[in-house]
C-alpha atoms as a PDB file:
ATOM      1  CA  MET A   1      -0.253  -1.073  23.011  1.00  0.00           C
ATOM      2  CA  SER A   2      -0.695  -0.095  19.371  1.00  0.00           C
ATOM      3  CA  ASN A   3      -1.575  -2.844  16.800  1.00  0.00           C
ATOM      4  CA  PRO A   4       1.410  -3.811  14.570  1.00  0.00           C
ATOM      5  CA  SER A   5       1.292  -2.731  10.928  1.00  0.00           C
ATOM      6  CA  THR A   6       3.169  -3.829   7.863  1.00  0.00           C
ATOM      7  CA  ALA A   7       5.521  -0.888   8.399  1.00  0.00           C
ATOM      8  CA  ASP A   8       6.757  -2.630  11.641  1.00  0.00           C
ATOM      9  CA  TYR A   9       8.160  -5.409   9.536  1.00  0.00           C
ATOM     10  CA  LEU A  10       9.893  -3.507   6.779  1.00  0.00           C
ATOM     11  CA  SER A  11      13.375  -2.025   6.473  1.00  0.00           C
ATOM     12  CA  ILE A  12      13.752   0.118   3.198  1.00  0.00           C
ATOM     13  CA  ALA A  13      17.224   1.138   2.047  1.00  0.00           C
ATOM     14  CA  GLU A  14      17.473   5.037   1.843  1.00  0.00           C
ATOM     15  CA  GLU A  15      18.363   4.787  -1.825  1.00  0.00           C
ATOM     16  CA  VAL A  16      15.277   2.784  -2.543  1.00  0.00           C
ATOM     17  CA  ARG A  17      13.116   4.984  -0.306  1.00  0.00           C
ATOM     18  CA  VAL A  18      14.154   8.068  -1.949  1.00  0.00           C
ATOM     19  CA  ALA A  19      13.768   6.845  -5.464  1.00  0.00           C
ATOM     20  CA  LEU A  20      10.230   5.505  -4.761  1.00  0.00           C
ATOM     21  CA  ALA A  21       9.389   8.915  -3.143  1.00  0.00           C
ATOM     22  CA  ASP A  22      10.743  10.749  -6.369  1.00  0.00           C
ATOM     23  CA  GLU A  23       8.867   8.316  -8.710  1.00  0.00           C
ATOM     24  CA  ARG A  24      12.195   7.253 -10.234  1.00  0.00           C
ATOM     25  CA  PRO A  25      12.525   3.677 -11.683  1.00  0.00           C
ATOM     26  CA  VAL A  26      13.144   0.775  -9.137  1.00  0.00           C
ATOM     27  CA  VAL A  27      13.494  -2.663 -10.009  1.00  0.00           C
ATOM     28  CA  ALA A  28      12.906  -5.421  -7.491  1.00  0.00           C
ATOM     29  CA  LEU A  29      15.096  -8.597  -7.224  1.00  0.00           C
ATOM     30  CA  GLU A  30      14.740 -11.946  -5.413  1.00  0.00           C
ATOM     31  CA  SER A  31      17.162 -13.388  -3.060  1.00  0.00           C
ATOM     32  CA  THR A  32      16.285 -17.187  -3.511  1.00  0.00           C
ATOM     33  CA  VAL A  33      18.793 -17.042  -6.476  1.00  0.00           C
ATOM     34  CA  ILE A  34      21.379 -15.955  -4.074  1.00  0.00           C
ATOM     35  CA  ALA A  35      20.606 -18.434  -1.183  1.00  0.00           C
ATOM     36  CA  HIS A  36      19.315 -21.388  -3.192  1.00  0.00           C
ATOM     37  CA  GLY A  37      19.651 -20.902  -6.884  1.00  0.00           C
ATOM     38  CA  LEU A  38      23.355 -20.824  -7.491  1.00  0.00           C
ATOM     39  CA  PRO A  39      26.559 -22.003  -5.766  1.00  0.00           C
ATOM     40  CA  TYR A  40      28.832 -19.674  -3.789  1.00  0.00           C
ATOM     41  CA  PRO A  41      30.388 -17.348  -4.783  1.00  0.00           C
ATOM     42  CA  THR A  42      28.806 -17.338  -8.261  1.00  0.00           C
ATOM     43  CA  ASN A  43      25.494 -16.436  -6.347  1.00  0.00           C
ATOM     44  CA  VAL A  44      26.935 -13.341  -5.043  1.00  0.00           C
ATOM     45  CA  GLU A  45      28.582 -12.461  -8.207  1.00  0.00           C
ATOM     46  CA  ALA A  46      25.135 -12.849 -10.037  1.00  0.00           C
ATOM     47  CA  ALA A  47      23.507 -10.601  -7.422  1.00  0.00           C
ATOM     48  CA  ARG A  48      26.046  -7.944  -7.866  1.00  0.00           C
ATOM     49  CA  ALA A  49      25.991  -8.211 -11.717  1.00  0.00           C
ATOM     50  CA  MET A  50      22.240  -7.731 -11.816  1.00  0.00           C
ATOM     51  CA  GLU A  51      22.358  -4.730  -9.576  1.00  0.00           C
ATOM     52  CA  GLU A  52      25.156  -3.150 -11.678  1.00  0.00           C
ATOM     53  CA  ALA A  53      23.000  -3.829 -14.910  1.00  0.00           C
ATOM     54  CA  ILE A  54      20.116  -1.972 -13.388  1.00  0.00           C
ATOM     55  CA  ARG A  55      22.102   0.975 -12.168  1.00  0.00           C
ATOM     56  CA  GLY A  56      23.791   1.085 -15.620  1.00  0.00           C
ATOM     57  CA  GLU A  57      20.358   1.695 -17.199  1.00  0.00           C
ATOM     58  CA  GLY A  58      19.586   4.441 -14.927  1.00  0.00           C
ATOM     59  CA  ALA A  59      17.300   2.602 -12.463  1.00  0.00           C
ATOM     60  CA  VAL A  60      17.650   1.587  -8.812  1.00  0.00           C
ATOM     61  CA  PRO A  61      17.886  -2.154  -7.685  1.00  0.00           C
ATOM     62  CA  ALA A  62      15.983  -3.416  -4.646  1.00  0.00           C
ATOM     63  CA  THR A  63      17.100  -6.807  -3.759  1.00  0.00           C
ATOM     64  CA  ILE A  64      14.745  -8.177  -1.220  1.00  0.00           C
ATOM     65  CA  GLY A  65      15.458 -10.591   1.824  1.00  0.00           C
ATOM     66  CA  LEU A  66      14.352 -11.191   5.426  1.00  0.00           C
ATOM     67  CA  LEU A  67      16.752 -10.586   8.170  1.00  0.00           C
ATOM     68  CA  GLU A  68      16.357 -10.348  12.055  1.00  0.00           C
ATOM     69  CA  GLY A  69      12.519 -10.172  11.687  1.00  0.00           C
ATOM     70  CA  ARG A  70      12.401  -7.543   9.006  1.00  0.00           C
ATOM     71  CA  ILE A  71      11.758  -7.569   5.334  1.00  0.00           C
ATOM     72  CA  VAL A  72      14.871  -5.628   3.842  1.00  0.00           C
ATOM     73  CA  VAL A  73      13.940  -3.991   0.700  1.00  0.00           C
ATOM     74  CA  GLY A  74      17.433  -3.147  -0.745  1.00  0.00           C
ATOM     75  CA  LEU A  75      19.945  -5.440   0.811  1.00  0.00           C
ATOM     76  CA  SER A  76      23.455  -4.108   1.243  1.00  0.00           C
ATOM     77  CA  PRO A  77      26.376  -5.780  -0.229  1.00  0.00           C
ATOM     78  CA  ALA A  78      27.296  -7.290   3.190  1.00  0.00           C
ATOM     79  CA  GLN A  79      23.661  -8.572   3.560  1.00  0.00           C
ATOM     80  CA  ILE A  80      23.785 -10.259   0.194  1.00  0.00           C
ATOM     81  CA  GLU A  81      27.167 -11.795   1.224  1.00  0.00           C
ATOM     82  CA  LEU A  82      25.515 -13.054   4.330  1.00  0.00           C
ATOM     83  CA  LEU A  83      22.676 -14.862   2.461  1.00  0.00           C
ATOM     84  CA  GLY A  84      24.918 -16.121  -0.169  1.00  0.00           C
ATOM     85  CA  SER A  85      27.562 -17.673   1.990  1.00  0.00           C
ATOM     86  CA  ALA A  86      25.425 -18.935   4.758  1.00  0.00           C
ATOM     87  CA  GLY A  87      24.383 -22.292   3.028  1.00  0.00           C
ATOM     88  CA  ALA A  88      21.026 -23.007   1.710  1.00  0.00           C
ATOM     89  CA  SER A  89      19.949 -25.029   4.831  1.00  0.00           C
ATOM     90  CA  ALA A  90      20.554 -21.970   7.007  1.00  0.00           C
ATOM     91  CA  VAL A  91      18.390 -19.715   4.963  1.00  0.00           C
ATOM     92  CA  ALA A  92      14.753 -20.275   4.775  1.00  0.00           C
ATOM     93  CA  LYS A  93      12.928 -20.196   1.356  1.00  0.00           C
ATOM     94  CA  VAL A  94      10.243 -17.699   1.728  1.00  0.00           C
ATOM     95  CA  SER A  95       7.108 -17.505  -0.483  1.00  0.00           C
ATOM     96  CA  ARG A  96       4.053 -15.447   0.415  1.00  0.00           C
ATOM     97  CA  ARG A  97       2.727 -18.223   2.962  1.00  0.00           C
ATOM     98  CA  ASP A  98       6.017 -18.176   4.853  1.00  0.00           C
ATOM     99  CA  LEU A  99       6.477 -14.479   5.464  1.00  0.00           C
ATOM    100  CA  ALA A 100       4.754 -14.261   8.858  1.00  0.00           C
ATOM    101  CA  VAL A 101       6.370 -17.331  10.192  1.00  0.00           C
ATOM    102  CA  VAL A 102       9.988 -16.475   9.162  1.00  0.00           C
ATOM    103  CA  LEU A 103       9.646 -12.900  10.246  1.00  0.00           C
ATOM    104  CA  ALA A 104       8.104 -13.959  13.730  1.00  0.00           C
ATOM    105  CA  GLN A 105      10.932 -16.397  14.260  1.00  0.00           C
ATOM    106  CA  GLY A 106      13.616 -13.900  13.188  1.00  0.00           C
ATOM    107  CA  ARG A 107      15.358 -16.267  10.842  1.00  0.00           C
ATOM    108  CA  PRO A 108      17.168 -15.200   7.626  1.00  0.00           C
ATOM    109  CA  GLY A 109      15.018 -15.756   4.688  1.00  0.00           C
ATOM    110  CA  ALA A 110      15.502 -15.562   0.836  1.00  0.00           C
ATOM    111  CA  THR A 111      12.299 -14.479  -1.072  1.00  0.00           C
ATOM    112  CA  THR A 112      10.918 -16.698  -3.986  1.00  0.00           C
ATOM    113  CA  VAL A 113       9.214 -15.012  -6.926  1.00  0.00           C
ATOM    114  CA  ALA A 114       5.870 -15.072  -5.027  1.00  0.00           C
ATOM    115  CA  GLY A 115       7.463 -13.796  -1.994  1.00  0.00           C
ATOM    116  CA  THR A 116       9.413 -11.066  -3.695  1.00  0.00           C
ATOM    117  CA  LEU A 117       6.284  -9.881  -5.689  1.00  0.00           C
ATOM    118  CA  ALA A 118       4.247  -9.722  -2.404  1.00  0.00           C
ATOM    119  CA  CYS A 119       7.024  -7.642  -0.677  1.00  0.00           C
ATOM    120  CA  ALA A 120       7.632  -5.335  -3.644  1.00  0.00           C
ATOM    121  CA  HIS A 121       3.923  -4.533  -3.795  1.00  0.00           C
ATOM    122  CA  MET A 122       3.959  -3.560  -0.118  1.00  0.00           C
ATOM    123  CA  VAL A 123       6.217  -0.763  -0.889  1.00  0.00           C
ATOM    124  CA  GLY A 124       5.070   0.204  -4.339  1.00  0.00           C
ATOM    125  CA  ILE A 125       7.683  -1.147  -6.493  1.00  0.00           C
ATOM    126  CA  ARG A 126       6.180  -1.999 -10.026  1.00  0.00           C
ATOM    127  CA  PHE A 127       8.978  -3.973 -11.761  1.00  0.00           C
ATOM    128  CA  PHE A 128      10.558  -7.191 -10.826  1.00  0.00           C
ATOM    129  CA  ALA A 129      13.400  -9.067 -12.662  1.00  0.00           C
ATOM    130  CA  THR A 130      14.031 -12.763 -11.974  1.00  0.00           C
ATOM    131  CA  GLY A 131      15.507 -15.832 -13.739  1.00  0.00           C
ATOM    132  CA  GLY A 132      12.608 -18.091 -14.547  1.00  0.00           C
ATOM    133  CA  ILE A 133       9.102 -18.369 -12.712  1.00  0.00           C
ATOM    134  CA  GLY A 134       7.775 -21.396 -11.205  1.00  0.00           C
ATOM    135  CA  GLY A 135       4.987 -23.236 -12.768  1.00  0.00           C
ATOM    136  CA  VAL A 136       2.872 -26.370 -13.142  1.00  0.00           C
ATOM    137  CA  HIS A 137       5.095 -29.209 -12.543  1.00  0.00           C
ATOM    138  CA  ARG A 138       5.160 -32.321 -14.653  1.00  0.00           C
ATOM    139  CA  GLY A 139       2.644 -34.897 -13.340  1.00  0.00           C
ATOM    140  CA  ALA A 140       0.701 -32.240 -11.612  1.00  0.00           C
ATOM    141  CA  GLU A 141      -2.652 -33.930 -12.488  1.00  0.00           C
ATOM    142  CA  ARG A 142      -1.632 -36.504  -9.902  1.00  0.00           C
ATOM    143  CA  THR A 143       0.349 -34.427  -7.455  1.00  0.00           C
ATOM    144  CA  MET A 144      -1.351 -30.853  -7.588  1.00  0.00           C
ATOM    145  CA  ASP A 145       2.265 -29.459  -7.550  1.00  0.00           C
ATOM    146  CA  ILE A 146       1.692 -25.950  -8.829  1.00  0.00           C
ATOM    147  CA  SER A 147       3.916 -23.148  -7.916  1.00  0.00           C
ATOM    148  CA  ALA A 148       2.596 -20.382  -5.764  1.00  0.00           C
ATOM    149  CA  ASP A 149       4.302 -18.024  -8.199  1.00  0.00           C
ATOM    150  CA  LEU A 150       1.377 -18.296 -10.613  1.00  0.00           C
ATOM    151  CA  PRO A 151      -1.408 -17.116  -8.346  1.00  0.00           C
ATOM    152  CA  GLU A 152       0.742 -14.352  -7.095  1.00  0.00           C
ATOM    153  CA  LEU A 153       1.295 -13.115 -10.482  1.00  0.00           C
ATOM    154  CA  ALA A 154      -2.385 -12.870 -10.968  1.00  0.00           C
ATOM    155  CA  ARG A 155      -3.135 -11.050  -7.704  1.00  0.00           C
ATOM    156  CA  THR A 156      -0.226  -8.618  -7.507  1.00  0.00           C
ATOM    157  CA  PRO A 157       0.087  -5.510  -9.675  1.00  0.00           C
ATOM    158  CA  VAL A 158       3.834  -5.899 -10.552  1.00  0.00           C
ATOM    159  CA  LEU A 159       5.287  -6.555 -13.938  1.00  0.00           C
ATOM    160  CA  THR A 160       7.626  -9.586 -13.845  1.00  0.00           C
ATOM    161  CA  ILE A 161      10.450  -9.930 -16.340  1.00  0.00           C
ATOM    162  CA  CYS A 162      11.815 -13.552 -16.728  1.00  0.00           C
ATOM    163  CA  ALA A 163      13.344 -15.935 -19.159  1.00  0.00           C
ATOM    164  CA  GLY A 164      10.092 -17.824 -19.240  1.00  0.00           C
ATOM    165  CA  ALA A 165       9.808 -20.986 -16.996  1.00  0.00           C
ATOM    166  CA  LYS A 166      12.147 -23.614 -16.296  1.00  0.00           C
ATOM    167  CA  SER A 167      12.126 -26.670 -18.823  1.00  0.00           C
ATOM    168  CA  ILE A 168      11.753 -29.006 -15.963  1.00  0.00           C
ATOM    169  CA  LEU A 169       7.998 -27.945 -15.708  1.00  0.00           C
ATOM    170  CA  ASP A 170       5.020 -28.574 -17.764  1.00  0.00           C
ATOM    171  CA  LEU A 171       5.141 -25.317 -19.902  1.00  0.00           C
ATOM    172  CA  GLY A 172       1.945 -25.950 -21.833  1.00  0.00           C
ATOM    173  CA  LEU A 173      -0.067 -26.361 -18.481  1.00  0.00           C
ATOM    174  CA  THR A 174       1.833 -23.240 -16.862  1.00  0.00           C
ATOM    175  CA  LEU A 175       0.573 -21.168 -19.819  1.00  0.00           C
ATOM    176  CA  GLU A 176      -2.957 -22.613 -19.601  1.00  0.00           C
ATOM    177  CA  TYR A 177      -3.009 -21.732 -15.831  1.00  0.00           C
ATOM    178  CA  LEU A 178      -1.818 -18.132 -16.448  1.00  0.00           C
ATOM    179  CA  GLU A 179      -4.498 -17.791 -19.103  1.00  0.00           C
ATOM    180  CA  THR A 180      -7.139 -19.011 -16.543  1.00  0.00           C
ATOM    181  CA  GLN A 181      -5.872 -16.475 -13.977  1.00  0.00           C
ATOM    182  CA  GLY A 182      -6.088 -13.591 -16.459  1.00  0.00           C
ATOM    183  CA  VAL A 183      -2.432 -12.780 -16.522  1.00  0.00           C
ATOM    184  CA  PRO A 184      -1.146 -11.334 -19.774  1.00  0.00           C
ATOM    185  CA  VAL A 185       1.978 -13.044 -21.031  1.00  0.00           C
ATOM    186  CA  ILE A 186       3.937 -10.966 -23.326  1.00  0.00           C
ATOM    187  CA  GLY A 187       6.926 -12.232 -25.381  1.00  0.00           C
ATOM    188  CA  PHE A 188       9.754  -9.639 -25.709  1.00  0.00           C
ATOM    189  CA  GLN A 189      10.654  -9.421 -29.309  1.00  0.00           C
ATOM    190  CA  THR A 190       9.384 -13.084 -29.880  1.00  0.00           C
ATOM    191  CA  TRP A 191       6.177 -14.987 -30.180  1.00  0.00           C
ATOM    192  CA  ASP A 192       7.763 -18.171 -28.635  1.00  0.00           C
ATOM    193  CA  PHE A 193       7.595 -18.771 -24.896  1.00  0.00           C
ATOM    194  CA  PRO A 194      11.205 -19.069 -23.670  1.00  0.00           C
ATOM    195  CA  ALA A 195      12.218 -22.093 -21.570  1.00  0.00           C
ATOM    196  CA  PHE A 196      14.963 -20.579 -19.340  1.00  0.00           C
ATOM    197  CA  TYR A 197      18.203 -22.171 -20.750  1.00  0.00           C
ATOM    198  CA  ALA A 198      16.476 -22.530 -24.117  1.00  0.00           C
ATOM    199  CA  ARG A 199      15.243 -19.654 -26.245  1.00  0.00           C
ATOM    200  CA  SER A 200      11.971 -21.356 -27.275  1.00  0.00           C
ATOM    201  CA  SER A 201       9.852 -23.997 -25.609  1.00  0.00           C
ATOM    202  CA  GLY A 202       7.742 -24.740 -28.808  1.00  0.00           C
ATOM    203  CA  TYR A 203       4.737 -22.886 -27.131  1.00  0.00           C
ATOM    204  CA  ARG A 204       3.380 -19.635 -28.696  1.00  0.00           C
ATOM    205  CA  VAL A 205       2.761 -16.722 -26.550  1.00  0.00           C
ATOM    206  CA  PRO A 206      -0.398 -14.631 -26.977  1.00  0.00           C
ATOM    207  CA  HIS A 207       1.116 -11.320 -27.126  1.00  0.00           C
ATOM    208  CA  CYS A 208       4.395  -9.802 -28.489  1.00  0.00           C
ATOM    209  CA  ALA A 209       6.039  -6.393 -27.540  1.00  0.00           C
ATOM    210  CA  GLU A 210       9.002  -4.975 -29.601  1.00  0.00           C
ATOM    211  CA  SER A 211      10.173  -2.199 -27.414  1.00  0.00           C
ATOM    212  CA  ALA A 212      10.554  -0.897 -23.868  1.00  0.00           C
ATOM    213  CA  ARG A 213       8.044   1.639 -24.690  1.00  0.00           C
ATOM    214  CA  ASP A 214       5.460  -0.824 -25.947  1.00  0.00           C
ATOM    215  CA  VAL A 215       5.878  -2.729 -22.533  1.00  0.00           C
ATOM    216  CA  ALA A 216       5.493   0.567 -20.368  1.00  0.00           C
ATOM    217  CA  ALA A 217       2.466   1.231 -22.481  1.00  0.00           C
ATOM    218  CA  ILE A 218       0.898  -2.242 -21.711  1.00  0.00           C
ATOM    219  CA  ALA A 219       1.668  -1.812 -18.162  1.00  0.00           C
ATOM    220  CA  ARG A 220       0.113   1.671 -17.959  1.00  0.00           C
ATOM    221  CA  ALA A 221      -3.174   0.451 -19.581  1.00  0.00           C
ATOM    222  CA  GLN A 222      -3.387  -2.752 -17.429  1.00  0.00           C
ATOM    223  CA  TRP A 223      -2.985  -0.606 -14.195  1.00  0.00           C
ATOM    224  CA  LYS A 224      -4.734   2.615 -15.079  1.00  0.00           C
ATOM    225  CA  GLY A 225      -7.548   0.717 -16.779  1.00  0.00           C
ATOM    226  CA  LYS A 226      -7.787  -1.678 -13.826  1.00  0.00           C
ATOM    227  CA  PHE A 227      -8.002  -4.537 -16.123  1.00  0.00           C
ATOM    228  CA  GLY A 228      -6.076  -6.940 -13.943  1.00  0.00           C
ATOM    229  CA  ASN A 229      -2.963  -7.100 -11.753  1.00  0.00           C
ATOM    230  CA  GLY A 230       0.240  -8.878 -12.729  1.00  0.00           C
ATOM    231  CA  ILE A 231       1.692  -8.901 -16.045  1.00  0.00           C
ATOM    232  CA  LEU A 232       4.633 -11.401 -17.205  1.00  0.00           C
ATOM    233  CA  VAL A 233       7.192 -10.382 -19.956  1.00  0.00           C
ATOM    234  CA  ALA A 234       9.238 -13.267 -21.106  1.00  0.00           C
ATOM    235  CA  CYS A 235      12.842 -12.394 -22.510  1.00  0.00           C
ATOM    236  CA  PRO A 236      14.668 -15.202 -24.227  1.00  0.00           C
ATOM    237  CA  ILE A 237      18.134 -15.962 -22.956  1.00  0.00           C
ATOM    238  CA  PRO A 238      20.805 -14.493 -25.281  1.00  0.00           C
ATOM    239  CA  GLN A 239      21.576 -16.559 -28.272  1.00  0.00           C
ATOM    240  CA  GLU A 240      25.188 -17.244 -27.403  1.00  0.00           C
ATOM    241  CA  HIS A 241      24.373 -18.650 -24.001  1.00  0.00           C
ATOM    242  CA  ALA A 242      21.328 -20.712 -25.112  1.00  0.00           C
ATOM    243  CA  ILE A 243      21.224 -24.460 -24.736  1.00  0.00           C
ATOM    244  CA  ASP A 244      19.829 -26.679 -27.405  1.00  0.00           C
ATOM    245  CA  PRO A 245      16.127 -27.739 -26.310  1.00  0.00           C
ATOM    246  CA  ALA A 246      16.447 -31.324 -27.608  1.00  0.00           C
ATOM    247  CA  ALA A 247      19.563 -31.973 -25.498  1.00  0.00           C
ATOM    248  CA  LEU A 248      18.030 -30.297 -22.553  1.00  0.00           C
ATOM    249  CA  GLU A 249      14.975 -32.375 -22.577  1.00  0.00           C
ATOM    250  CA  THR A 250      17.000 -35.570 -22.490  1.00  0.00           C
ATOM    251  CA  LEU A 251      19.068 -34.122 -19.330  1.00  0.00           C
ATOM    252  CA  ILE A 252      15.782 -33.349 -17.618  1.00  0.00           C
ATOM    253  CA  ASN A 253      14.198 -36.597 -18.309  1.00  0.00           C
ATOM    254  CA  ASP A 254      17.311 -38.376 -17.029  1.00  0.00           C
ATOM    255  CA  ALA A 255      17.302 -36.218 -13.851  1.00  0.00           C
ATOM    256  CA  LEU A 256      13.528 -36.853 -13.332  1.00  0.00           C
ATOM    257  CA  VAL A 257      14.020 -40.564 -13.196  1.00  0.00           C
ATOM    258  CA  ARG A 258      17.027 -40.095 -10.747  1.00  0.00           C
ATOM    259  CA  ALA A 259      14.591 -37.909  -8.588  1.00  0.00           C
ATOM    260  CA  ASN A 260      11.987 -40.534  -8.584  1.00  0.00           C
ATOM    261  CA  GLU A 261      14.457 -43.213  -7.742  1.00  0.00           C
ATOM    262  CA  GLN A 262      15.684 -41.143  -4.691  1.00  0.00           C
ATOM    263  CA  ARG A 263      12.197 -40.165  -3.752  1.00  0.00           C
ATOM    264  CA  ILE A 264      12.843 -36.529  -4.025  1.00  0.00           C
ATOM    265  CA  THR A 265       9.531 -34.492  -4.006  1.00  0.00           C
ATOM    266  CA  GLY A 266       7.946 -31.261  -3.436  1.00  0.00           C
ATOM    267  CA  ALA A 267      10.358 -28.068  -3.028  1.00  0.00           C
ATOM    268  CA  SER A 268      13.377 -30.281  -3.215  1.00  0.00           C
ATOM    269  CA  VAL A 269      12.631 -31.438  -6.862  1.00  0.00           C
ATOM    270  CA  THR A 270      13.593 -28.160  -8.731  1.00  0.00           C
ATOM    271  CA  PRO A 271      17.048 -27.554  -6.907  1.00  0.00           C
ATOM    272  CA  PHE A 272      17.969 -31.244  -7.434  1.00  0.00           C
ATOM    273  CA  LEU A 273      17.097 -31.122 -11.114  1.00  0.00           C
ATOM    274  CA  LEU A 274      18.875 -27.961 -11.655  1.00  0.00           C
ATOM    275  CA  SER A 275      22.065 -29.472  -9.790  1.00  0.00           C
ATOM    276  CA  GLN A 276      21.876 -32.437 -11.974  1.00  0.00           C
ATOM    277  CA  ILE A 277      21.702 -30.447 -15.246  1.00  0.00           C
ATOM    278  CA  ALA A 278      24.770 -28.380 -14.035  1.00  0.00           C
ATOM    279  CA  GLN A 279      26.680 -31.296 -13.477  1.00  0.00           C
ATOM    280  CA  ALA A 280      25.649 -32.895 -16.883  1.00  0.00           C
ATOM    281  CA  THR A 281      26.489 -29.651 -18.921  1.00  0.00           C
ATOM    282  CA  GLU A 282      29.828 -29.298 -16.951  1.00  0.00           C
ATOM    283  CA  GLY A 283      28.737 -25.822 -15.619  1.00  0.00           C
ATOM    284  CA  GLN A 284      27.291 -24.587 -18.892  1.00  0.00           C
ATOM    285  CA  SER A 285      23.852 -24.061 -17.329  1.00  0.00           C
ATOM    286  CA  VAL A 286      25.353 -21.968 -14.579  1.00  0.00           C
ATOM    287  CA  THR A 287      26.962 -19.665 -17.137  1.00  0.00           C
ATOM    288  CA  ALA A 288      23.653 -19.638 -19.068  1.00  0.00           C
ATOM    289  CA  ASN A 289      21.668 -18.871 -15.821  1.00  0.00           C
ATOM    290  CA  LEU A 290      24.059 -15.802 -14.897  1.00  0.00           C
ATOM    291  CA  ALA A 291      23.674 -14.561 -18.593  1.00  0.00           C
ATOM    292  CA  LEU A 292      19.722 -14.611 -18.595  1.00  0.00           C
ATOM    293  CA  LEU A 293      19.639 -13.010 -15.123  1.00  0.00           C
ATOM    294  CA  VAL A 294      21.813 -10.122 -16.170  1.00  0.00           C
ATOM    295  CA  ASN A 295      19.793  -9.805 -19.406  1.00  0.00           C
ATOM    296  CA  ASN A 296      16.385  -9.868 -17.511  1.00  0.00           C
ATOM    297  CA  ALA A 297      17.735  -7.328 -15.059  1.00  0.00           C
ATOM    298  CA  THR A 298      18.883  -5.031 -17.981  1.00  0.00           C
ATOM    299  CA  TRP A 299      15.541  -5.130 -19.657  1.00  0.00           C
ATOM    300  CA  ALA A 300      13.579  -4.786 -16.398  1.00  0.00           C
ATOM    301  CA  ALA A 301      15.457  -1.444 -15.803  1.00  0.00           C
ATOM    302  CA  ARG A 302      14.685  -0.294 -19.216  1.00  0.00           C
ATOM    303  CA  PHE A 303      10.926  -1.110 -18.809  1.00  0.00           C
ATOM    304  CA  ALA A 304      10.777   0.571 -15.552  1.00  0.00           C
ATOM    305  CA  ARG A 305      12.531   3.616 -16.904  1.00  0.00           C
ATOM    306  CA  ALA A 306      10.181   3.830 -19.914  1.00  0.00           C
ATOM    307  CA  TYR A 307       7.251   3.640 -17.514  1.00  0.00           C
ATOM    308  CA  ALA A 308       8.477   6.282 -15.233  1.00  0.00           C
ATOM    309  CA  GLU A 309       9.300   8.642 -18.202  1.00  0.00           C
ATOM    310  CA  GLY A 310       5.753   8.103 -19.468  1.00  0.00           C
ATOM    311  CA  ASN A 311       4.246   9.372 -16.135  1.00  0.00           C
ATOM    312  CA  ILE A 312       6.199  12.554 -16.168  1.00  0.00           C
END
């Protein structure tokens, strides 16, 4: 009996496989936002809108998830609907550490930022669009609660496009951790690190890029020069959907108090806080989330296309 290889656990959609073989631009998308990030059916609508935005820019979307013991790179509409409608409790949240377990058990799984980065790299996808990365949690000096997204960004040669990190995190320490790990953080058309729903966190990024061509040139230098692996590009949420940072901070602090009172810890903290913010803003945060997801997908496709054109 032959030893199993990574290929034994992969199922790549034909459209994605052909695009990769032809060196055309492909953008990876996570599935945690579908299964755990947004309510149904908004989650499925968001997934479709991101894929449509990528196609509209001349690139191929590859939404990634786990089904029936395989990593599916390029989920079909029916598979996206399945993950989105099953309910969060029925779909495993899959980071890098969880891949082998969920695959072996044959459970449906939705990939996080870290999980998606790992899977994208397995098949040669260089660009990945998400909402916001995980980071260093508030109080991490006591709890050591640091997202697996951060070391994954450092080890994996994929460019991640996001709206910064969620304001519920300690954004200063998150940026410090990324610096320590050698991850270039690029503000796209901004010197302010975005904070997901807010356009600025009050923290300055070390670098800024003004165009898709600039981002592609940075990626090319990073990878061809072998100066490091992952790159983080932060795109602020469109102005018309941004939430006031001061008001947002008040909501976060109130939600943190409730989380502490209810003894909510670990991986349950982020979804709890986001649900509290959604209730407090009467759905404004959900609309903002959708807007930034589509914006990030659009720019990711433009960056991927600029990179592919530069390699021709």
